[in-house]
Structure formats: C-alpha cells, structure tokens
C-alpha cells in the first residue's frame, strides 16, 4: 500500500472563537497545557485519540467536524 502524505487540519481556532474560549481555557477543559493547544491548532502536534475525543466533547461535535485529513 502506498504511503500518502496526509496533513491533519483542524478548526480549533475557529471553534474557540465561536465559544469565546482562550487557548488556556480550552487547555484547562481537556487537561493539557496552553502550548499543547497552540501546537495542535498550528498543525505542529498531532493530538492523541484521547485528546481528540475530549476536544470533540468540549465543542459537542463529532471528531470529523473538528479534524480532517487533506492530501
């Protein structure tokens, strides 16, 4: 099977703005550091499955509405 270079994109910044949350406030809700939220938002860090599910719960959205794969 060929390896594809997929890029994980996300809507965290947009969703935080919608809910008027700072990176620090979102981080506290999912028990990570503000820097972790920053690196996820900027595509530097790929979150664990657990963190992804916690973020989906905070925004009350399916994971696929927050994160997506692009080629």
N, C-alpha and C. Protein backbone atom coordinates (compact mmCIF):
# COMPACT_ATOMS: atom_id res chain seq x y z
N UNK A 1 0.84 -1.18 0.00
CA UNK A 1 0.00 0.00 0.00
C UNK A 1 0.89 1.25 0.00
N UNK A 2 0.59 2.17 -0.87
CA UNK A 2 1.39 3.39 -0.98
C UNK A 2 1.15 4.29 0.22
N UNK A 3 2.22 4.94 0.64
CA UNK A 3 2.13 5.89 1.75
C UNK A 3 1.71 7.25 1.20
N UNK A 4 0.64 7.79 1.74
CA UNK A 4 0.19 9.11 1.31
C UNK A 4 0.59 10.13 2.36
N UNK A 5 0.94 11.31 1.90
CA UNK A 5 1.28 12.39 2.82
C UNK A 5 0.04 13.20 3.14
N UNK A 6 -0.67 12.76 4.14
CA UNK A 6 -1.87 13.46 4.57
C UNK A 6 -1.49 14.49 5.62
N UNK A 7 -2.19 15.58 5.60
CA UNK A 7 -1.99 16.63 6.60
C UNK A 7 -3.26 16.72 7.42
N UNK A 8 -3.08 16.66 8.74
CA UNK A 8 -4.23 16.78 9.64
C UNK A 8 -4.52 18.27 9.83
N UNK A 9 -5.71 18.68 9.42
CA UNK A 9 -6.11 20.07 9.61
C UNK A 9 -7.20 20.10 10.68
N UNK A 10 -7.40 21.28 11.27
CA UNK A 10 -8.42 21.37 12.31
C UNK A 10 -9.05 22.75 12.34
N UNK A 11 -10.19 22.81 13.01
CA UNK A 11 -10.96 24.05 13.15
C UNK A 11 -10.93 24.57 14.59
N UNK A 12 -9.92 24.18 15.35
CA UNK A 12 -9.89 24.56 16.77
C UNK A 12 -9.95 26.07 16.98
N UNK A 13 -9.15 26.82 16.22
CA UNK A 13 -9.10 28.26 16.40
C UNK A 13 -10.48 28.87 16.15
N UNK A 14 -11.11 28.44 15.07
CA UNK A 14 -12.46 28.91 14.72
C UNK A 14 -13.48 28.56 15.80
N UNK A 15 -13.43 27.33 16.29
CA UNK A 15 -14.38 26.89 17.30
C UNK A 15 -14.15 27.58 18.64
N UNK A 16 -12.89 27.82 18.98
CA UNK A 16 -12.58 28.56 20.21
C UNK A 16 -13.16 29.97 20.13
N UNK A 17 -13.00 30.60 18.97
CA UNK A 17 -13.54 31.96 18.78
C UNK A 17 -15.06 31.95 18.91
N UNK A 18 -15.69 30.95 18.31
CA UNK A 18 -17.15 30.82 18.38
C UNK A 18 -17.62 30.75 19.83
N UNK A 19 -16.89 29.98 20.62
CA UNK A 19 -17.27 29.77 22.03
C UNK A 19 -16.59 30.75 22.99
N UNK A 20 -15.85 31.70 22.43
CA UNK A 20 -15.14 32.72 23.22
C UNK A 20 -14.24 32.09 24.28
N UNK A 21 -13.46 31.12 23.86
CA UNK A 21 -12.50 30.46 24.76
C UNK A 21 -11.08 30.87 24.38
N UNK A 22 -10.26 31.11 25.39
CA UNK A 22 -8.83 31.31 25.13
C UNK A 22 -8.17 29.93 25.00
N UNK A 23 -6.95 29.93 24.50
CA UNK A 23 -6.22 28.65 24.44
C UNK A 23 -6.08 28.08 25.85
N UNK A 24 -5.82 28.93 26.82
CA UNK A 24 -5.64 28.46 28.21
C UNK A 24 -6.94 27.87 28.76
N UNK A 25 -8.07 28.49 28.46
CA UNK A 25 -9.35 27.98 28.94
C UNK A 25 -9.67 26.62 28.30
N UNK A 26 -9.43 26.51 27.00
CA UNK A 26 -9.66 25.23 26.33
C UNK A 26 -8.72 24.16 26.89
N UNK A 27 -7.47 24.53 27.09
CA UNK A 27 -6.48 23.60 27.65
C UNK A 27 -6.93 23.06 29.00
N UNK A 28 -7.45 23.95 29.85
CA UNK A 28 -7.90 23.53 31.18
C UNK A 28 -9.06 22.55 31.07
N UNK A 29 -9.94 22.75 30.10
CA UNK A 29 -11.10 21.87 29.94
C UNK A 29 -10.71 20.45 29.53
N UNK A 30 -9.57 20.31 28.85
CA UNK A 30 -9.14 18.98 28.38
C UNK A 30 -7.85 18.50 29.06
N UNK A 31 -7.44 19.19 30.12
CA UNK A 31 -6.29 18.79 30.95
C UNK A 31 -4.97 18.70 30.19
N UNK A 32 -4.70 19.72 29.36
CA UNK A 32 -3.39 19.83 28.71
C UNK A 32 -2.90 21.26 28.91
N UNK A 33 -1.68 21.54 28.45
CA UNK A 33 -1.14 22.90 28.57
C UNK A 33 -1.65 23.78 27.42
N UNK A 34 -1.55 25.09 27.64
CA UNK A 34 -1.92 26.03 26.58
C UNK A 34 -1.03 25.80 25.36
N UNK A 35 0.23 25.49 25.60
CA UNK A 35 1.16 25.25 24.49
C UNK A 35 0.71 24.05 23.65
N UNK A 36 0.18 23.03 24.29
CA UNK A 36 -0.33 21.87 23.53
C UNK A 36 -1.46 22.31 22.60
N UNK A 37 -2.39 23.10 23.11
CA UNK A 37 -3.49 23.59 22.27
C UNK A 37 -2.93 24.41 21.12
N UNK A 38 -1.96 25.27 21.41
CA UNK A 38 -1.34 26.10 20.38
C UNK A 38 -0.69 25.24 19.29
N UNK A 39 0.05 24.21 19.69
CA UNK A 39 0.73 23.38 18.69
C UNK A 39 -0.25 22.53 17.89
N UNK A 40 -1.35 22.11 18.50
CA UNK A 40 -2.38 21.38 17.75
C UNK A 40 -3.04 22.32 16.74
N UNK A 41 -3.42 23.51 17.19
CA UNK A 41 -4.05 24.49 16.29
C UNK A 41 -3.19 24.80 15.08
N UNK A 42 -1.90 24.87 15.29
CA UNK A 42 -0.97 25.23 14.22
C UNK A 42 -0.43 24.05 13.43
N UNK A 43 -0.98 22.86 13.69
CA UNK A 43 -0.59 21.68 12.92
C UNK A 43 0.80 21.15 13.22
N UNK A 44 1.38 21.58 14.33
CA UNK A 44 2.72 21.12 14.71
C UNK A 44 2.64 19.78 15.43
N UNK A 45 1.61 19.62 16.24
CA UNK A 45 1.43 18.43 17.07
C UNK A 45 0.14 17.73 16.68
N UNK A 46 0.22 16.42 16.45
CA UNK A 46 -0.97 15.62 16.16
C UNK A 46 -1.47 15.07 17.49
N UNK A 47 -2.70 15.44 17.87
CA UNK A 47 -3.20 15.04 19.19
C UNK A 47 -3.49 13.54 19.27
N UNK A 48 -3.42 13.02 20.47
CA UNK A 48 -3.77 11.63 20.72
C UNK A 48 -5.27 11.43 20.48
N UNK A 49 -5.66 10.20 20.37
CA UNK A 49 -7.08 9.87 20.22
C UNK A 49 -7.86 10.38 21.43
N UNK A 50 -7.31 10.21 22.63
CA UNK A 50 -7.98 10.65 23.84
C UNK A 50 -8.19 12.17 23.81
N UNK A 51 -7.15 12.92 23.46
CA UNK A 51 -7.27 14.38 23.41
C UNK A 51 -8.27 14.80 22.33
N UNK A 52 -8.23 14.13 21.20
CA UNK A 52 -9.16 14.43 20.11
C UNK A 52 -10.61 14.24 20.57
N UNK A 53 -10.88 13.15 21.27
CA UNK A 53 -12.23 12.88 21.77
C UNK A 53 -12.64 13.89 22.84
N UNK A 54 -11.70 14.29 23.70
CA UNK A 54 -12.01 15.30 24.72
C UNK A 54 -12.37 16.64 24.06
N UNK A 55 -11.63 17.01 23.03
CA UNK A 55 -11.91 18.27 22.32
C UNK A 55 -13.28 18.21 21.65
N UNK A 56 -13.59 17.07 21.06
CA UNK A 56 -14.91 16.90 20.42
C UNK A 56 -16.01 17.05 21.45
N UNK A 57 -15.79 16.53 22.65
CA UNK A 57 -16.79 16.63 23.72
C UNK A 57 -16.98 18.09 24.15
N UNK A 58 -15.88 18.84 24.29
CA UNK A 58 -15.97 20.24 24.68
C UNK A 58 -16.83 21.03 23.69
N UNK A 59 -16.61 20.78 22.40
CA UNK A 59 -17.34 21.54 21.38
C UNK A 59 -18.66 20.88 20.97
N UNK A 60 -18.94 19.71 21.57
CA UNK A 60 -20.17 18.98 21.28
C UNK A 60 -20.34 18.73 19.78
N UNK A 61 -19.24 18.27 19.17
CA UNK A 61 -19.22 17.99 17.73
C UNK A 61 -18.55 16.64 17.49
N UNK A 62 -18.89 15.98 16.38
CA UNK A 62 -18.15 14.78 16.01
C UNK A 62 -16.69 15.16 15.68
N UNK A 63 -15.78 14.26 15.96
CA UNK A 63 -14.36 14.49 15.69
C UNK A 63 -14.16 14.98 14.25
N UNK A 64 -14.89 14.38 13.31
CA UNK A 64 -14.72 14.72 11.88
C UNK A 64 -15.11 16.15 11.56
N UNK A 65 -15.86 16.80 12.44
CA UNK A 65 -16.22 18.20 12.20
C UNK A 65 -15.16 19.16 12.76
N UNK A 66 -14.20 18.59 13.49
CA UNK A 66 -13.11 19.41 14.05
C UNK A 66 -11.81 19.13 13.31
N UNK A 67 -11.55 17.85 13.07
CA UNK A 67 -10.31 17.42 12.41
C UNK A 67 -10.61 16.79 11.06
N UNK A 68 -9.72 17.02 10.09
CA UNK A 68 -9.88 16.36 8.80
C UNK A 68 -8.50 16.13 8.18
N UNK A 69 -8.45 15.15 7.28
CA UNK A 69 -7.22 14.84 6.56
C UNK A 69 -7.27 15.47 5.20
N UNK A 70 -6.20 16.15 4.82
CA UNK A 70 -6.09 16.67 3.46
C UNK A 70 -4.84 16.05 2.83
N UNK A 71 -4.83 16.03 1.51
CA UNK A 71 -3.66 15.44 0.81
C UNK A 71 -2.77 16.53 0.28
